[in-house]
Amino acid sequence: KKNFVTWLIDSLNSDQHVNIVTDQSGTYTYLNDLVTITMTCIENPRTGIFHVSGTEILSRYELAKLVEELFSINNNLINPINTLKLKQRANRPMKSGFTIDKAIREFNFKPTSIRSAINEIKELLN
């Protein structure tokens, strides 16, 4: 299944216009960070719930524009819109994210920056 970044890249590279909301924001989880913390949990068992995500908060539109910049895609196909105009099937939170203090404290978790994660994805796709 495609994630937001790979879906966006495929859409822009196919010259498809995309509507991206400007008023929904949150933290994002990089799969490599999730794998790293999962392996750490297996090797150093703890009890409880550990939330894992990045620490940077960006709107979906800001994330899309960053992907566009880092992938050097400048075809003006990203349309900024308001959530109400998107008419999604399910209600979405305007702001979402996790408190990851416990993972940082107990596992010395250091999330990958969004910019670095996108650059790593770019390397993998090339």
Foldseek 3Di string as FASTA:
>chain_A
DDDLLVVLVVCLVVVAADEFEQQAKEFAAQVVLVVVLVVLCVVPPDDDDADDTADDMHGRLVLSVLSCVLVVRDPPRYHYDHPVVVPDPDDDDSYDYDDRVVCCVPVVRDGDDSNVSSVVVVVVVD
